[in-house]
Amino acid sequence: MNANQPSIDVDFLRTLSVLYVEDEDAVREELAHYLRRRCPKLAVARNGQEGLELFKANRYDVVVTDVKMPVMDGLDMARSIKSIQEEVPVIIVTAYNEVDYFLRAIEVGVDRYVKKPINPSELIQAIYKSTVVRFQVRELEKKRLSAFVSVQEALTEMAHAIDKRNPFTDGHQHRVSQLASAIAEDMQLQPDEIEGIRLAGAIHDVGFLYVSLQLLCAPRQLSPEEFELIKPHAEAGGAILGDTHFPWPIVEVIRQHHERLDGSGYPQGLKGEDIRLEARIVAVADVVEAMVADRPQRRALGIEAALEELRRNAGKLYDPSVVASCERVIQRTKLEFWGA
């Protein structure tokens, strides 16, 4: 092997499924024999149409193809394959150097070129280079998704623990999470943003772990002094999770879900756009749930009272666009999607 060529992971090559398309019988048989010893999962086709049908039926990790072939040429086949699975690498082997051909190859998105007469080791290098980075990215993505799932599961368990601590508000965070997610969907946020809002809503009151249960369960209206003891829960919740790196702005939402547009909220007195949209959404869902559900100090006030609170203070305390979406969700569902 050339000293300048990078080493090849032979075991990795053996895991690859390779589609090789070549119309010349002698070339196809000789090169297929060479490739099969290094890439046992090799499929062979005699023209572009055969290759396309094989790809549709089986999918492959990489495609190696000649260009000028009967029935369907390699570039037309490559274009069709890319329309099915854009990320699959396509390697062209050819003896032609026409400008039109190269322009077509660029348009199709061909990954690599190997000139005829083919140097087999050069082809193996091309196969390896065109696939190894994609597989590494794919494995990193799998690990990332696995980590996300672990975070989601941990946050869900934390939410259950917080809710169970106070029997009078059991299910509050879950319902806030559901309503906030529904509002975010109505506002047509991205799926990843909606997931972050769902998880933040599910643990937005984590700071209550630092508040006296006797105070949380008091069967009466709290005095101003007692309410001041409740207010630090937003900052405390952020502090509990502050060193944790989430792929969503969960800590900021927890800290900001009691901020209000006019700056009258807490703990920082943030105003308007300084409050994250995700926090503005959770804030509205939190207010609605608190008014619709029973509390230790009062009976439920109902949906209409909650809507009146939102309408009266839209633009002052609450984001008008969030309020509008919340109204649409409530009118459409009557909150029947809320679970226990």
C-alpha atoms as a PDB file:
ATOM      1  CA  MET A   1       0.000   0.000   0.000  1.00  0.00           C
ATOM      2  CA  ASN A   2       1.199   3.544  -0.742  1.00  0.00           C
ATOM      3  CA  ALA A   3       2.729   5.102   2.382  1.00  0.00           C
ATOM      4  CA  ASN A   4       0.628   8.227   1.825  1.00  0.00           C
ATOM      5  CA  GLN A   5      -2.629   6.294   1.856  1.00  0.00           C
ATOM      6  CA  PRO A   6      -4.463   6.053   5.175  1.00  0.00           C
ATOM      7  CA  SER A   7      -4.796   2.620   6.746  1.00  0.00           C
ATOM      8  CA  ILE A   8      -8.059   0.809   6.172  1.00  0.00           C
ATOM      9  CA  ASP A   9     -10.167  -0.867   8.816  1.00  0.00           C
ATOM     10  CA  VAL A  10     -10.596  -4.273   7.187  1.00  0.00           C
ATOM     11  CA  ASP A  11     -13.256  -5.353   9.684  1.00  0.00           C
ATOM     12  CA  PHE A  12     -15.262  -2.217   8.888  1.00  0.00           C
ATOM     13  CA  LEU A  13     -15.087  -2.967   5.149  1.00  0.00           C
ATOM     14  CA  ARG A  14     -16.492  -6.441   5.754  1.00  0.00           C
ATOM     15  CA  THR A  15     -19.615  -4.935   7.340  1.00  0.00           C
ATOM     16  CA  LEU A  16     -20.435  -2.848   4.264  1.00  0.00           C
ATOM     17  CA  SER A  17     -23.058  -3.777   1.719  1.00  0.00           C
ATOM     18  CA  VAL A  18     -21.782  -2.750  -1.728  1.00  0.00           C
ATOM     19  CA  LEU A  19     -23.605  -2.503  -5.047  1.00  0.00           C
ATOM     20  CA  TYR A  20     -21.295  -2.766  -8.083  1.00  0.00           C
ATOM     21  CA  VAL A  21     -22.687  -1.943 -11.537  1.00  0.00           C
ATOM     22  CA  GLU A  22     -20.686  -2.656 -14.696  1.00  0.00           C
ATOM     23  CA  ASP A  23     -21.813  -3.723 -18.187  1.00  0.00           C
ATOM     24  CA  GLU A  24     -18.485  -5.230 -19.431  1.00  0.00           C
ATOM     25  CA  ASP A  25     -18.531  -8.899 -18.414  1.00  0.00           C
ATOM     26  CA  ALA A  26     -14.771  -9.389 -18.085  1.00  0.00           C
ATOM     27  CA  VAL A  27     -14.230  -6.208 -16.056  1.00  0.00           C
ATOM     28  CA  ARG A  28     -17.268  -6.930 -13.865  1.00  0.00           C
ATOM     29  CA  GLU A  29     -16.227 -10.512 -13.087  1.00  0.00           C
ATOM     30  CA  GLU A  30     -12.614  -9.669 -12.324  1.00  0.00           C
ATOM     31  CA  LEU A  31     -13.360  -6.669 -10.109  1.00  0.00           C
ATOM     32  CA  ALA A  32     -16.293  -8.360  -8.383  1.00  0.00           C
ATOM     33  CA  HIS A  33     -14.004 -11.232  -7.436  1.00  0.00           C
ATOM     34  CA  TYR A  34     -11.520  -8.769  -5.930  1.00  0.00           C
ATOM     35  CA  LEU A  35     -14.190  -6.762  -4.088  1.00  0.00           C
ATOM     36  CA  ARG A  36     -15.997  -9.781  -2.688  1.00  0.00           C
ATOM     37  CA  ARG A  37     -12.882 -10.915  -0.805  1.00  0.00           C
ATOM     38  CA  ARG A  38     -12.838  -7.567   1.012  1.00  0.00           C
ATOM     39  CA  CYS A  39     -16.560  -6.714   1.031  1.00  0.00           C
ATOM     40  CA  PRO A  40     -18.453 -10.024   1.271  1.00  0.00           C
ATOM     41  CA  LYS A  41     -21.840  -8.264   1.115  1.00  0.00           C
ATOM     42  CA  LEU A  42     -21.417  -7.479  -2.567  1.00  0.00           C
ATOM     43  CA  ALA A  43     -24.249  -7.332  -5.101  1.00  0.00           C
ATOM     44  CA  VAL A  44     -23.576  -7.044  -8.837  1.00  0.00           C
ATOM     45  CA  ALA A  45     -25.663  -5.579 -11.685  1.00  0.00           C
ATOM     46  CA  ARG A  46     -25.051  -5.388 -15.439  1.00  0.00           C
ATOM     47  CA  ASN A  47     -26.610  -1.966 -16.130  1.00  0.00           C
ATOM     48  CA  GLY A  48     -28.162   1.017 -14.401  1.00  0.00           C
ATOM     49  CA  GLN A  49     -31.700  -0.328 -14.526  1.00  0.00           C
ATOM     50  CA  GLU A  50     -30.665  -3.580 -12.851  1.00  0.00           C
ATOM     51  CA  GLY A  51     -28.678  -1.648 -10.280  1.00  0.00           C
ATOM     52  CA  LEU A  52     -31.603   0.647  -9.486  1.00  0.00           C
ATOM     53  CA  GLU A  53     -33.984  -2.275  -8.987  1.00  0.00           C
ATOM     54  CA  LEU A  54     -31.485  -3.991  -6.686  1.00  0.00           C
ATOM     55  CA  PHE A  55     -31.072  -0.795  -4.661  1.00  0.00           C
ATOM     56  CA  LYS A  56     -34.822  -0.325  -4.328  1.00  0.00           C
ATOM     57  CA  ALA A  57     -35.165  -3.876  -3.046  1.00  0.00           C
ATOM     58  CA  ASN A  58     -32.192  -4.015  -0.692  1.00  0.00           C
ATOM     59  CA  ARG A  59     -30.527  -0.616  -0.129  1.00  0.00           C
ATOM     60  CA  TYR A  60     -26.748  -0.576   0.103  1.00  0.00           C
ATOM     61  CA  ASP A  61     -24.134   1.306   2.091  1.00  0.00           C
ATOM     62  CA  VAL A  62     -22.235   2.363  -1.037  1.00  0.00           C
ATOM     63  CA  VAL A  63     -22.703   2.174  -4.822  1.00  0.00           C
ATOM     64  CA  VAL A  64     -19.843   1.705  -7.318  1.00  0.00           C
ATOM     65  CA  THR A  65     -20.826   2.172 -10.958  1.00  0.00           C
ATOM     66  CA  ASP A  66     -19.571   2.568 -14.485  1.00  0.00           C
ATOM     67  CA  VAL A  67     -21.028   5.493 -16.455  1.00  0.00           C
ATOM     68  CA  LYS A  68     -21.761   4.500 -20.058  1.00  0.00           C
ATOM     69  CA  MET A  69     -23.990   1.421 -20.020  1.00  0.00           C
ATOM     70  CA  PRO A  70     -26.970   0.166 -22.007  1.00  0.00           C
ATOM     71  CA  VAL A  71     -30.596   0.506 -20.777  1.00  0.00           C
ATOM     72  CA  MET A  72     -29.684   3.136 -18.138  1.00  0.00           C
ATOM     73  CA  ASP A  73     -26.318   4.805 -17.626  1.00  0.00           C
ATOM     74  CA  GLY A  74     -24.577   5.166 -14.261  1.00  0.00           C
ATOM     75  CA  LEU A  75     -25.374   8.834 -13.714  1.00  0.00           C
ATOM     76  CA  ASP A  76     -29.103   8.388 -14.364  1.00  0.00           C
ATOM     77  CA  MET A  77     -29.050   5.465 -11.954  1.00  0.00           C
ATOM     78  CA  ALA A  78     -27.142   7.535  -9.395  1.00  0.00           C
ATOM     79  CA  ARG A  79     -29.683  10.363  -9.669  1.00  0.00           C
ATOM     80  CA  SER A  80     -32.547   7.940  -9.004  1.00  0.00           C
ATOM     81  CA  ILE A  81     -30.702   6.339  -6.085  1.00  0.00           C
ATOM     82  CA  LYS A  82     -29.947   9.738  -4.551  1.00  0.00           C
ATOM     83  CA  SER A  83     -33.634  10.629  -4.793  1.00  0.00           C
ATOM     84  CA  ILE A  84     -34.394   7.534  -2.714  1.00  0.00           C
ATOM     85  CA  GLN A  85     -31.547   7.892  -0.198  1.00  0.00           C
ATOM     86  CA  GLU A  86     -29.572  11.080  -0.681  1.00  0.00           C
ATOM     87  CA  GLU A  87     -26.784  10.282   1.769  1.00  0.00           C
ATOM     88  CA  VAL A  88     -25.691   6.997   0.132  1.00  0.00           C
ATOM     89  CA  PRO A  89     -22.183   7.431  -1.381  1.00  0.00           C
ATOM     90  CA  VAL A  90     -21.898   6.864  -5.146  1.00  0.00           C
ATOM     91  CA  ILE A  91     -18.463   6.175  -6.653  1.00  0.00           C
ATOM     92  CA  ILE A  92     -18.053   6.520 -10.419  1.00  0.00           C
ATOM     93  CA  VAL A  93     -15.510   4.451 -12.364  1.00  0.00           C
ATOM     94  CA  THR A  94     -14.929   5.764 -15.849  1.00  0.00           C
ATOM     95  CA  ALA A  95     -12.454   6.348 -18.649  1.00  0.00           C
ATOM     96  CA  TYR A  96     -14.299   9.439 -19.916  1.00  0.00           C
ATOM     97  CA  ASN A  97     -13.238  13.021 -19.262  1.00  0.00           C
ATOM     98  CA  GLU A  98     -15.890  15.046 -21.096  1.00  0.00           C
ATOM     99  CA  VAL A  99     -16.901  18.331 -19.461  1.00  0.00           C
ATOM    100  CA  ASP A 100     -20.608  17.516 -19.849  1.00  0.00           C
ATOM    101  CA  TYR A 101     -20.093  14.265 -17.981  1.00  0.00           C
ATOM    102  CA  PHE A 102     -18.388  16.000 -15.037  1.00  0.00           C
ATOM    103  CA  LEU A 103     -21.115  18.651 -14.895  1.00  0.00           C
ATOM    104  CA  ARG A 104     -23.752  15.932 -14.754  1.00  0.00           C
ATOM    105  CA  ALA A 105     -21.805  14.104 -12.052  1.00  0.00           C
ATOM    106  CA  ILE A 106     -21.604  17.265  -9.920  1.00  0.00           C
ATOM    107  CA  GLU A 107     -25.328  17.885 -10.420  1.00  0.00           C
ATOM    108  CA  VAL A 108     -26.168  14.324  -9.353  1.00  0.00           C
ATOM    109  CA  GLY A 109     -23.958  14.557  -6.265  1.00  0.00           C
ATOM    110  CA  VAL A 110     -21.421  11.838  -7.046  1.00  0.00           C
ATOM    111  CA  ASP A 111     -19.046  11.388  -4.101  1.00  0.00           C
ATOM    112  CA  ARG A 112     -15.852  10.068  -5.673  1.00  0.00           C
ATOM    113  CA  TYR A 113     -14.282   9.173  -9.034  1.00  0.00           C
ATOM    114  CA  VAL A 114     -11.972   6.307  -9.935  1.00  0.00           C
ATOM    115  CA  LYS A 115     -10.409   6.269 -13.416  1.00  0.00           C
ATOM    116  CA  LYS A 116     -10.178   3.269 -15.716  1.00  0.00           C
ATOM    117  CA  PRO A 117      -8.178   1.134 -15.984  1.00  0.00           C
ATOM    118  CA  ILE A 118      -9.131   0.551 -12.365  1.00  0.00           C
ATOM    119  CA  ASN A 119      -6.489   0.206  -9.699  1.00  0.00           C
ATOM    120  CA  PRO A 120      -8.309  -2.147  -7.254  1.00  0.00           C
ATOM    121  CA  SER A 121      -6.555  -0.786  -4.171  1.00  0.00           C
ATOM    122  CA  GLU A 122      -7.499   2.751  -5.229  1.00  0.00           C
ATOM    123  CA  LEU A 123     -11.138   1.649  -5.487  1.00  0.00           C
ATOM    124  CA  ILE A 124     -11.030   0.097  -2.014  1.00  0.00           C
ATOM    125  CA  GLN A 125      -9.620   3.361  -0.688  1.00  0.00           C
ATOM    126  CA  ALA A 126     -12.478   5.258  -2.334  1.00  0.00           C
ATOM    127  CA  ILE A 127     -15.083   2.914  -0.825  1.00  0.00           C
ATOM    128  CA  TYR A 128     -13.525   3.246   2.618  1.00  0.00           C
ATOM    129  CA  LYS A 129     -13.168   7.029   2.532  1.00  0.00           C
ATOM    130  CA  SER A 130     -16.682   7.598   1.242  1.00  0.00           C
ATOM    131  CA  THR A 131     -18.309   5.489   3.954  1.00  0.00           C
ATOM    132  CA  VAL A 132     -16.257   5.630   7.133  1.00  0.00           C
ATOM    133  CA  VAL A 133     -17.052   9.266   7.998  1.00  0.00           C
ATOM    134  CA  ARG A 134     -20.770   8.731   7.380  1.00  0.00           C
ATOM    135  CA  PHE A 135     -20.766   5.686   9.628  1.00  0.00           C
ATOM    136  CA  GLN A 136     -18.918   7.568  12.358  1.00  0.00           C
ATOM    137  CA  VAL A 137     -21.480  10.373  12.175  1.00  0.00           C
ATOM    138  CA  ARG A 138     -24.277   7.811  12.248  1.00  0.00           C
ATOM    139  CA  GLU A 139     -22.828   6.153  15.358  1.00  0.00           C
ATOM    140  CA  LEU A 140     -22.425   9.520  17.076  1.00  0.00           C
ATOM    141  CA  GLU A 141     -26.051  10.308  16.271  1.00  0.00           C
ATOM    142  CA  LYS A 142     -27.133   6.981  17.773  1.00  0.00           C
ATOM    143  CA  LYS A 143     -25.210   7.781  20.961  1.00  0.00           C
ATOM    144  CA  ARG A 144     -26.682  11.280  21.028  1.00  0.00           C
ATOM    145  CA  LEU A 145     -30.221   9.937  20.689  1.00  0.00           C
ATOM    146  CA  SER A 146     -29.538   7.351  23.372  1.00  0.00           C
ATOM    147  CA  ALA A 147     -28.332  10.110  25.701  1.00  0.00           C
ATOM    148  CA  PHE A 148     -31.459  12.138  24.910  1.00  0.00           C
ATOM    149  CA  VAL A 149     -33.653   9.195  25.831  1.00  0.00           C
ATOM    150  CA  SER A 150     -31.791   8.795  29.125  1.00  0.00           C
ATOM    151  CA  VAL A 151     -32.273  12.488  29.898  1.00  0.00           C
ATOM    152  CA  GLN A 152     -35.968  12.276  29.024  1.00  0.00           C
ATOM    153  CA  GLU A 153     -36.459   9.263  31.268  1.00  0.00           C
ATOM    154  CA  ALA A 154     -34.604  10.888  34.170  1.00  0.00           C
ATOM    155  CA  LEU A 155     -36.617  14.094  33.878  1.00  0.00           C
ATOM    156  CA  THR A 156     -39.884  12.146  33.717  1.00  0.00           C
ATOM    157  CA  GLU A 157     -39.003  10.269  36.911  1.00  0.00           C
ATOM    158  CA  MET A 158     -38.044  13.532  38.596  1.00  0.00           C
ATOM    159  CA  ALA A 159     -41.407  15.026  37.593  1.00  0.00           C
ATOM    160  CA  HIS A 160     -43.276  12.101  39.155  1.00  0.00           C
ATOM    161  CA  ALA A 161     -41.284  12.453  42.381  1.00  0.00           C
ATOM    162  CA  ILE A 162     -42.030  16.187  42.629  1.00  0.00           C
ATOM    163  CA  ASP A 163     -45.747  15.739  41.968  1.00  0.00           C
ATOM    164  CA  LYS A 164     -46.102  12.883  44.451  1.00  0.00           C
ATOM    165  CA  ARG A 165     -44.520  15.008  47.194  1.00  0.00           C
ATOM    166  CA  ASN A 166     -47.593  17.261  47.270  1.00  0.00           C
ATOM    167  CA  PRO A 167     -50.864  15.283  47.036  1.00  0.00           C
ATOM    168  CA  PHE A 168     -52.852  18.500  46.501  1.00  0.00           C
ATOM    169  CA  THR A 169     -51.049  19.311  43.251  1.00  0.00           C
ATOM    170  CA  ASP A 170     -50.327  15.759  42.058  1.00  0.00           C
ATOM    171  CA  GLY A 171     -50.406  15.839  38.251  1.00  0.00           C
ATOM    172  CA  HIS A 172     -50.006  19.635  38.005  1.00  0.00           C
ATOM    173  CA  GLN A 173     -46.663  19.523  36.203  1.00  0.00           C
ATOM    174  CA  HIS A 174     -47.853  16.756  33.890  1.00  0.00           C
ATOM    175  CA  ARG A 175     -50.895  18.785  32.857  1.00  0.00           C
ATOM    176  CA  VAL A 176     -48.841  21.955  32.409  1.00  0.00           C
ATOM    177  CA  SER A 177     -46.463  19.945  30.237  1.00  0.00           C
ATOM    178  CA  GLN A 178     -49.309  18.660  28.087  1.00  0.00           C
ATOM    179  CA  LEU A 179     -50.950  22.046  27.633  1.00  0.00           C
ATOM    180  CA  ALA A 180     -47.638  23.808  26.954  1.00  0.00           C
ATOM    181  CA  SER A 181     -46.785  21.183  24.311  1.00  0.00           C
ATOM    182  CA  ALA A 182     -50.202  21.629  22.682  1.00  0.00           C
ATOM    183  CA  ILE A 183     -49.718  25.407  22.591  1.00  0.00           C
ATOM    184  CA  ALA A 184     -46.251  24.985  21.065  1.00  0.00           C
ATOM    185  CA  GLU A 185     -47.683  22.669  18.405  1.00  0.00           C
ATOM    186  CA  ASP A 186     -50.431  25.189  17.626  1.00  0.00           C
ATOM    187  CA  MET A 187     -47.724  27.847  17.240  1.00  0.00           C
ATOM    188  CA  GLN A 188     -46.008  25.513  14.765  1.00  0.00           C
ATOM    189  CA  LEU A 189     -42.707  25.326  16.619  1.00  0.00           C
ATOM    190  CA  GLN A 190     -40.152  22.741  15.563  1.00  0.00           C
ATOM    191  CA  PRO A 191     -40.494  19.203  17.008  1.00  0.00           C
ATOM    192  CA  ASP A 192     -37.260  19.560  18.995  1.00  0.00           C
ATOM    193  CA  GLU A 193     -38.496  22.838  20.514  1.00  0.00           C
ATOM    194  CA  ILE A 194     -41.808  21.219  21.430  1.00  0.00           C
ATOM    195  CA  GLU A 195     -39.989  18.346  23.127  1.00  0.00           C
ATOM    196  CA  GLY A 196     -37.920  20.807  25.168  1.00  0.00           C
ATOM    197  CA  ILE A 197     -41.091  22.618  26.248  1.00  0.00           C
ATOM    198  CA  ARG A 198     -42.738  19.331  27.175  1.00  0.00           C
ATOM    199  CA  LEU A 199     -39.815  18.320  29.391  1.00  0.00           C
ATOM    200  CA  ALA A 200     -39.404  21.775  30.944  1.00  0.00           C
ATOM    201  CA  GLY A 201     -43.123  21.890  31.738  1.00  0.00           C
ATOM    202  CA  ALA A 202     -42.887  18.482  33.374  1.00  0.00           C
ATOM    203  CA  ILE A 203     -40.365  19.702  35.976  1.00  0.00           C
ATOM    204  CA  HIS A 204     -40.952  23.471  36.051  1.00  0.00           C
ATOM    205  CA  ASP A 205     -41.693  23.341  39.804  1.00  0.00           C
ATOM    206  CA  VAL A 206     -38.623  21.302  40.769  1.00  0.00           C
ATOM    207  CA  GLY A 207     -37.638  24.195  43.056  1.00  0.00           C
ATOM    208  CA  PHE A 208     -40.557  23.313  45.349  1.00  0.00           C
ATOM    209  CA  LEU A 209     -38.224  20.659  46.766  1.00  0.00           C
ATOM    210  CA  TYR A 210     -36.727  23.554  48.740  1.00  0.00           C
ATOM    211  CA  VAL A 211     -40.095  24.857  49.959  1.00  0.00           C
ATOM    212  CA  SER A 212     -41.777  23.678  53.139  1.00  0.00           C
ATOM    213  CA  LEU A 213     -44.471  21.099  52.376  1.00  0.00           C
ATOM    214  CA  GLN A 214     -46.553  22.601  55.181  1.00  0.00           C
ATOM    215  CA  LEU A 215     -46.487  25.903  53.323  1.00  0.00           C
ATOM    216  CA  LEU A 216     -47.312  24.313  49.950  1.00  0.00           C
ATOM    217  CA  CYS A 217     -50.270  22.413  51.410  1.00  0.00           C
ATOM    218  CA  ALA A 218     -51.637  25.241  53.575  1.00  0.00           C
ATOM    219  CA  PRO A 219     -55.477  25.062  53.276  1.00  0.00           C
ATOM    220  CA  ARG A 220     -55.831  28.844  53.200  1.00  0.00           C
ATOM    221  CA  GLN A 221     -54.730  31.923  51.329  1.00  0.00           C
ATOM    222  CA  LEU A 222     -51.047  32.576  51.940  1.00  0.00           C
ATOM    223  CA  SER A 223     -50.003  35.812  53.582  1.00  0.00           C
ATOM    224  CA  PRO A 224     -47.689  38.175  51.660  1.00  0.00           C
ATOM    225  CA  GLU A 225     -44.830  37.086  53.898  1.00  0.00           C
ATOM    226  CA  GLU A 226     -45.541  33.406  53.221  1.00  0.00           C
ATOM    227  CA  PHE A 227     -45.778  34.028  49.479  1.00  0.00           C
ATOM    228  CA  GLU A 228     -42.305  35.592  49.596  1.00  0.00           C
ATOM    229  CA  LEU A 229     -41.084  32.232  50.909  1.00  0.00           C
ATOM    230  CA  ILE A 230     -42.658  30.480  47.884  1.00  0.00           C
ATOM    231  CA  LYS A 231     -41.187  32.776  45.220  1.00  0.00           C
ATOM    232  CA  PRO A 232     -37.544  31.573  45.393  1.00  0.00           C
ATOM    233  CA  HIS A 233     -38.616  28.179  43.998  1.00  0.00           C
ATOM    234  CA  ALA A 234     -38.047  29.355  40.402  1.00  0.00           C
ATOM    235  CA  GLU A 235     -34.427  30.324  41.073  1.00  0.00           C
ATOM    236  CA  ALA A 236     -33.935  27.259  43.264  1.00  0.00           C
ATOM    237  CA  GLY A 237     -35.179  25.011  40.456  1.00  0.00           C
ATOM    238  CA  GLY A 238     -32.639  26.534  38.092  1.00  0.00           C
ATOM    239  CA  ALA A 239     -29.920  26.038  40.694  1.00  0.00           C
ATOM    240  CA  ILE A 240     -30.802  22.357  41.145  1.00  0.00           C
ATOM    241  CA  LEU A 241     -30.249  21.676  37.442  1.00  0.00           C
ATOM    242  CA  GLY A 242     -27.800  24.477  36.734  1.00  0.00           C
ATOM    243  CA  ASP A 243     -24.756  22.262  36.135  1.00  0.00           C
ATOM    244  CA  THR A 244     -26.625  19.854  33.885  1.00  0.00           C
ATOM    245  CA  HIS A 245     -26.172  20.262  30.122  1.00  0.00           C
ATOM    246  CA  PHE A 246     -29.447  19.702  28.301  1.00  0.00           C
ATOM    247  CA  PRO A 247     -30.057  19.922  24.544  1.00  0.00           C
ATOM    248  CA  TRP A 248     -33.003  22.205  25.403  1.00  0.00           C
ATOM    249  CA  PRO A 249     -33.229  25.462  27.431  1.00  0.00           C
ATOM    250  CA  ILE A 250     -34.837  23.662  30.372  1.00  0.00           C
ATOM    251  CA  VAL A 251     -32.957  25.517  33.113  1.00  0.00           C
ATOM    252  CA  GLU A 252     -33.859  28.927  31.642  1.00  0.00           C
ATOM    253  CA  VAL A 253     -37.532  27.946  31.359  1.00  0.00           C
ATOM    254  CA  ILE A 254     -37.615  26.813  34.997  1.00  0.00           C
ATOM    255  CA  ARG A 255     -36.048  30.102  36.116  1.00  0.00           C
ATOM    256  CA  GLN A 256     -38.307  32.255  33.937  1.00  0.00           C
ATOM    257  CA  HIS A 257     -41.743  30.620  34.098  1.00  0.00           C
ATOM    258  CA  HIS A 258     -42.954  33.238  36.625  1.00  0.00           C
ATOM    259  CA  GLU A 259     -41.572  36.223  34.718  1.00  0.00           C
ATOM    260  CA  ARG A 260     -44.172  38.546  33.172  1.00  0.00           C
ATOM    261  CA  LEU A 261     -44.060  40.752  30.072  1.00  0.00           C
ATOM    262  CA  ASP A 262     -44.313  44.017  32.022  1.00  0.00           C
ATOM    263  CA  GLY A 263     -41.469  43.111  34.365  1.00  0.00           C
ATOM    264  CA  SER A 264     -43.717  42.433  37.365  1.00  0.00           C
ATOM    265  CA  GLY A 265     -42.749  38.759  37.574  1.00  0.00           C
ATOM    266  CA  TYR A 266     -39.954  37.035  39.458  1.00  0.00           C
ATOM    267  CA  PRO A 267     -37.175  36.203  40.185  1.00  0.00           C
ATOM    268  CA  GLN A 268     -35.387  38.651  37.839  1.00  0.00           C
ATOM    269  CA  GLY A 269     -38.158  40.985  36.733  1.00  0.00           C
ATOM    270  CA  LEU A 270     -37.464  40.272  33.057  1.00  0.00           C
ATOM    271  CA  LYS A 271     -39.549  42.028  30.414  1.00  0.00           C
ATOM    272  CA  GLY A 272     -40.901  41.184  26.959  1.00  0.00           C
ATOM    273  CA  GLU A 273     -38.502  39.439  24.599  1.00  0.00           C
ATOM    274  CA  ASP A 274     -35.943  39.030  27.385  1.00  0.00           C
ATOM    275  CA  ILE A 275     -38.167  36.167  28.553  1.00  0.00           C
ATOM    276  CA  ARG A 276     -37.645  33.036  26.464  1.00  0.00           C
ATOM    277  CA  LEU A 277     -40.610  32.065  24.290  1.00  0.00           C
ATOM    278  CA  GLU A 278     -40.534  28.593  25.846  1.00  0.00           C
ATOM    279  CA  ALA A 279     -40.908  30.158  29.311  1.00  0.00           C
ATOM    280  CA  ARG A 280     -43.746  32.410  28.102  1.00  0.00           C
ATOM    281  CA  ILE A 281     -45.552  29.289  26.863  1.00  0.00           C
ATOM    282  CA  VAL A 282     -45.047  27.357  30.109  1.00  0.00           C
ATOM    283  CA  ALA A 283     -46.146  30.457  32.084  1.00  0.00           C
ATOM    284  CA  VAL A 284     -49.516  30.567  30.315  1.00  0.00           C
ATOM    285  CA  ALA A 285     -50.047  26.808  30.681  1.00  0.00           C
ATOM    286  CA  ASP A 286     -49.113  27.080  34.382  1.00  0.00           C
ATOM    287  CA  VAL A 287     -51.684  29.824  35.022  1.00  0.00           C
ATOM    288  CA  VAL A 288     -54.439  27.921  33.230  1.00  0.00           C
ATOM    289  CA  GLU A 289     -53.776  24.670  35.092  1.00  0.00           C
ATOM    290  CA  ALA A 290     -53.609  26.462  38.445  1.00  0.00           C
ATOM    291  CA  MET A 291     -57.009  28.060  37.850  1.00  0.00           C
ATOM    292  CA  VAL A 292     -58.730  25.020  36.357  1.00  0.00           C
ATOM    293  CA  ALA A 293     -57.617  22.607  39.096  1.00  0.00           C
ATOM    294  CA  ASP A 294     -58.465  22.467  42.793  1.00  0.00           C
ATOM    295  CA  ARG A 295     -55.914  23.934  45.186  1.00  0.00           C
ATOM    296  CA  PRO A 296     -55.576  23.471  48.978  1.00  0.00           C
ATOM    297  CA  GLN A 297     -56.818  27.026  49.600  1.00  0.00           C
ATOM    298  CA  ARG A 298     -59.710  27.039  47.075  1.00  0.00           C
ATOM    299  CA  ARG A 299     -61.857  25.061  44.690  1.00  0.00           C
ATOM    300  CA  ALA A 300     -61.206  25.074  40.931  1.00  0.00           C
ATOM    301  CA  LEU A 301     -62.184  28.332  39.190  1.00  0.00           C
ATOM    302  CA  GLY A 302     -62.840  26.726  35.785  1.00  0.00           C
ATOM    303  CA  ILE A 303     -61.825  27.170  32.166  1.00  0.00           C
ATOM    304  CA  GLU A 304     -63.817  30.362  31.552  1.00  0.00           C
ATOM    305  CA  ALA A 305     -62.171  32.109  34.500  1.00  0.00           C
ATOM    306  CA  ALA A 306     -58.773  31.039  33.205  1.00  0.00           C
ATOM    307  CA  LEU A 307     -59.548  32.368  29.722  1.00  0.00           C
ATOM    308  CA  GLU A 308     -60.770  35.658  31.172  1.00  0.00           C
ATOM    309  CA  GLU A 309     -57.492  35.999  33.115  1.00  0.00           C
ATOM    310  CA  LEU A 310     -55.496  35.422  29.928  1.00  0.00           C
ATOM    311  CA  ARG A 311     -57.550  37.850  27.809  1.00  0.00           C
ATOM    312  CA  ARG A 312     -57.482  40.586  30.433  1.00  0.00           C
ATOM    313  CA  ASN A 313     -53.717  40.425  30.797  1.00  0.00           C
ATOM    314  CA  ALA A 314     -52.597  39.506  27.268  1.00  0.00           C
ATOM    315  CA  GLY A 315     -49.888  41.964  26.297  1.00  0.00           C
ATOM    316  CA  LYS A 316     -49.384  42.999  29.923  1.00  0.00           C
ATOM    317  CA  LEU A 317     -48.477  39.818  31.776  1.00  0.00           C
ATOM    318  CA  TYR A 318     -48.731  37.178  29.065  1.00  0.00           C
ATOM    319  CA  ASP A 319     -47.499  36.937  25.476  1.00  0.00           C
ATOM    320  CA  PRO A 320     -50.527  37.689  23.238  1.00  0.00           C
ATOM    321  CA  SER A 321     -49.498  35.135  20.615  1.00  0.00           C
ATOM    322  CA  VAL A 322     -49.214  32.440  23.302  1.00  0.00           C
ATOM    323  CA  VAL A 323     -52.596  33.436  24.750  1.00  0.00           C
ATOM    324  CA  ALA A 324     -54.182  33.219  21.279  1.00  0.00           C
ATOM    325  CA  SER A 325     -52.756  29.747  20.755  1.00  0.00           C
ATOM    326  CA  CYS A 326     -53.855  28.643  24.211  1.00  0.00           C
ATOM    327  CA  GLU A 327     -57.396  29.838  23.476  1.00  0.00           C
ATOM    328  CA  ARG A 328     -57.435  27.869  20.236  1.00  0.00           C
ATOM    329  CA  VAL A 329     -56.205  24.747  22.008  1.00  0.00           C
ATOM    330  CA  ILE A 330     -58.824  25.066  24.765  1.00  0.00           C
ATOM    331  CA  GLN A 331     -61.656  25.791  22.342  1.00  0.00           C
ATOM    332  CA  ARG A 332     -60.624  22.881  20.153  1.00  0.00           C
ATOM    333  CA  THR A 333     -60.058  20.326  22.914  1.00  0.00           C
ATOM    334  CA  LYS A 334     -61.803  21.579  26.094  1.00  0.00           C
ATOM    335  CA  LEU A 335     -58.624  20.174  27.726  1.00  0.00           C
ATOM    336  CA  GLU A 336     -59.947  16.652  27.249  1.00  0.00           C
ATOM    337  CA  PHE A 337     -56.407  15.514  26.384  1.00  0.00           C
ATOM    338  CA  TRP A 338     -55.238  16.172  29.960  1.00  0.00           C
ATOM    339  CA  GLY A 339     -54.223  13.021  31.755  1.00  0.00           C
ATOM    340  CA  ALA A 340     -54.248  12.360  35.432  1.00  0.00           C
END
